């Protein structure tokens, strides 16, 4: 990924102190215009190579959970939901399924994040070795033809909900 593309995802995300073992990762902001804080578990925060290389039982590709949480930071920056809206939308969803046959704006926060991390999972693969290799994988013809790539191109990169 180029620095510009990474900047679109990273925005004003701040890595906070780890939450502790067994605690779920989360992204949040107190109010619009304030820094977005990514709270990540000890397992992710202290992973060899740091959070961008962490894997979990659910997010098996290095960096996949980090990408999922960065998508939430993107949502907070671009959608500007109230904390009440954020909590209600976040807790009502439990399957974390990627969007299929619907527009980006029809997806809730977890469906949007799952769409991005699933695209990343499918094309970064567990074998990526460094930033140049990751860039090559995510810009491959296969990645760009993926049915979910239009969400990356038309929503994430352009900041459109």
Protein backbone atom coordinates (compact mmCIF):
# COMPACT_ATOMS: atom_id res chain seq x y z
CA UNK A 1 0.00 0.00 0.00
CA UNK A 2 1.22 3.49 -0.70
CA UNK A 3 1.60 5.98 2.13
CA UNK A 4 -1.46 7.85 0.83
CA UNK A 5 -3.60 4.69 0.97
CA UNK A 6 -2.35 3.87 4.44
CA UNK A 7 -3.13 7.43 5.53
CA UNK A 8 -6.73 7.02 4.38
CA UNK A 9 -7.09 4.09 6.76
CA UNK A 10 -4.97 5.28 9.65
CA UNK A 11 -6.48 8.80 9.87
CA UNK A 12 -6.01 10.01 13.40
CA UNK A 13 -5.98 6.56 15.01
CA UNK A 14 -3.94 6.35 18.18
CA UNK A 15 -2.70 3.09 19.61
CA UNK A 16 -3.67 3.14 23.24
CA UNK A 17 -2.34 1.15 26.13
CA UNK A 18 -3.46 -2.47 25.88
CA UNK A 19 -6.78 -3.41 27.44
CA UNK A 20 -5.57 -6.66 28.93
CA UNK A 21 -5.86 -10.35 28.23
CA UNK A 22 -9.17 -11.61 26.89
CA UNK A 23 -10.66 -8.17 26.25
CA UNK A 24 -12.15 -7.49 22.83
CA UNK A 25 -10.51 -4.97 20.55
CA UNK A 26 -12.43 -1.77 19.87
CA UNK A 27 -12.20 1.67 18.27
CA UNK A 28 -13.89 4.68 19.79
CA UNK A 29 -14.01 8.46 20.00
CA UNK A 30 -15.62 10.64 22.66
CA UNK A 31 -16.98 13.17 20.15
CA UNK A 32 -16.56 14.26 16.52
CA UNK A 33 -13.26 15.94 15.79
CA UNK A 34 -11.35 14.23 18.59
CA UNK A 35 -8.63 11.63 18.05
CA UNK A 36 -9.88 8.13 17.43
CA UNK A 37 -8.52 5.61 19.88
CA UNK A 38 -7.91 1.98 19.01
CA UNK A 39 -7.96 -0.27 22.05
CA UNK A 40 -6.36 -3.60 21.31
CA UNK A 41 -5.71 -6.67 23.40
CA UNK A 42 -2.39 -7.58 25.00
CA UNK A 43 -2.05 -10.39 22.46
CA UNK A 44 -2.25 -7.90 19.57
CA UNK A 45 -0.36 -5.06 21.22
CA UNK A 46 2.60 -7.23 22.21
CA UNK A 47 2.68 -9.50 19.13
CA UNK A 48 6.12 -10.09 17.58
CA UNK A 49 6.40 -7.36 14.96
CA UNK A 50 3.70 -5.28 16.66
CA UNK A 51 -0.04 -4.91 16.01
CA UNK A 52 0.31 -4.98 12.23
CA UNK A 53 1.73 -8.53 12.44
CA UNK A 54 -0.63 -9.94 15.11
CA UNK A 55 -2.87 -12.92 14.47
CA UNK A 56 -5.72 -14.33 16.55
CA UNK A 57 -8.00 -17.38 16.31
CA UNK A 58 -10.47 -15.34 14.24
CA UNK A 59 -8.09 -13.02 12.35
CA UNK A 60 -5.50 -15.45 11.02
CA UNK A 61 -3.61 -13.22 8.58
CA UNK A 62 -1.01 -10.91 10.11
CA UNK A 63 -2.52 -7.43 10.34
CA UNK A 64 -6.10 -8.52 9.65
CA UNK A 65 -7.47 -7.49 13.07
CA UNK A 66 -5.54 -4.22 12.80
CA UNK A 67 -7.19 -3.57 9.40
CA UNK A 68 -10.61 -4.40 10.90
CA UNK A 69 -10.09 -1.87 13.72
CA UNK A 70 -8.68 0.74 11.31
CA UNK A 71 -11.90 0.38 9.33
CA UNK A 72 -13.78 1.32 12.49
CA UNK A 73 -11.51 4.37 12.85
CA UNK A 74 -12.38 5.25 9.23
CA UNK A 75 -16.09 4.88 10.03
CA UNK A 76 -15.85 7.13 13.07
CA UNK A 77 -14.05 9.76 11.03
CA UNK A 78 -16.33 9.61 7.99
CA UNK A 79 -19.73 8.72 9.46
CA UNK A 80 -19.41 10.73 12.68
CA UNK A 81 -21.97 8.69 14.63
CA UNK A 82 -22.96 9.63 18.16
CA UNK A 83 -21.58 7.31 20.82
CA UNK A 84 -25.14 6.02 21.36
CA UNK A 85 -25.50 5.17 17.64
CA UNK A 86 -22.08 3.53 17.64
CA UNK A 87 -22.81 1.32 20.64
CA UNK A 88 -26.28 0.30 19.45
CA UNK A 89 -25.05 -0.54 15.96
CA UNK A 90 -22.01 -2.38 17.30
CA UNK A 91 -23.79 -4.57 19.81
CA UNK A 92 -26.73 -5.51 17.59
CA UNK A 93 -24.46 -7.33 15.14
CA UNK A 94 -22.87 -10.62 16.02
CA UNK A 95 -22.04 -12.45 12.79
CA UNK A 96 -19.44 -10.06 11.34
CA UNK A 97 -20.36 -11.14 7.81
CA UNK A 98 -19.01 -9.19 4.81
CA UNK A 99 -21.43 -7.24 2.64
CA UNK A 100 -22.91 -9.13 -0.29
CA UNK A 101 -25.45 -7.81 -2.79
CA UNK A 102 -25.90 -4.52 -0.90
CA UNK A 103 -24.36 -1.09 -1.00
CA UNK A 104 -21.72 0.09 1.46
CA UNK A 105 -24.16 2.47 3.16
CA UNK A 106 -26.62 -0.38 3.76
CA UNK A 107 -24.06 -2.24 5.84
CA UNK A 108 -23.65 -1.77 9.56
CA UNK A 109 -20.29 -1.08 11.19
CA UNK A 110 -19.31 -4.73 11.57
CA UNK A 111 -20.39 -5.74 8.06
CA UNK A 112 -18.32 -2.90 6.60
CA UNK A 113 -15.27 -3.77 8.73
CA UNK A 114 -15.67 -7.49 7.93
CA UNK A 115 -15.80 -6.67 4.21
CA UNK A 116 -12.48 -4.81 4.40
CA UNK A 117 -10.68 -7.33 6.61
CA UNK A 118 -11.97 -10.26 4.52
CA UNK A 119 -10.65 -8.62 1.33
CA UNK A 120 -7.34 -8.06 3.14
CA UNK A 121 -7.34 -11.67 4.41
CA UNK A 122 -7.99 -13.11 0.94
CA UNK A 123 -5.23 -11.16 -0.78
CA UNK A 124 -2.56 -10.38 1.82
CA UNK A 125 -2.53 -14.04 2.92
CA UNK A 126 -0.54 -15.24 5.91
CA UNK A 127 2.58 -15.42 3.76
CA UNK A 128 3.22 -11.66 3.29
CA UNK A 129 6.73 -10.83 4.39
CA UNK A 130 7.21 -7.06 4.34
CA UNK A 131 5.54 -3.84 3.18
CA UNK A 132 6.68 -4.26 -0.44
CA UNK A 133 5.31 -7.81 -0.56
CA UNK A 134 2.02 -6.72 1.04
CA UNK A 135 1.67 -3.88 -1.46
CA UNK A 136 2.26 -6.29 -4.33
CA UNK A 137 -0.37 -8.72 -3.03
CA UNK A 138 -3.01 -6.02 -2.40
CA UNK A 139 -2.44 -4.45 -5.81
CA UNK A 140 -2.45 -7.75 -7.71
CA UNK A 141 -4.89 -8.26 -10.57
CA UNK A 142 -6.71 -10.84 -8.47
CA UNK A 143 -7.16 -8.42 -5.54
CA UNK A 144 -8.37 -5.65 -7.86
CA UNK A 145 -10.89 -8.00 -9.53
CA UNK A 146 -12.26 -9.23 -6.20
CA UNK A 147 -16.01 -8.58 -5.85
CA UNK A 148 -15.36 -6.58 -2.64
CA UNK A 149 -12.63 -4.35 -4.06
CA UNK A 150 -15.14 -1.75 -5.24
CA UNK A 151 -15.85 -0.99 -1.54
CA UNK A 152 -12.13 -0.34 -1.00
CA UNK A 153 -11.86 1.78 -4.16
CA UNK A 154 -15.17 3.67 -4.04
CA UNK A 155 -15.71 4.04 -0.29
CA UNK A 156 -12.60 3.59 1.84
CA UNK A 157 -10.12 5.34 -0.44
CA UNK A 158 -12.52 8.17 -1.26
CA UNK A 159 -13.85 8.61 2.28
CA UNK A 160 -17.45 8.06 1.16
CA UNK A 161 -20.02 6.29 3.27
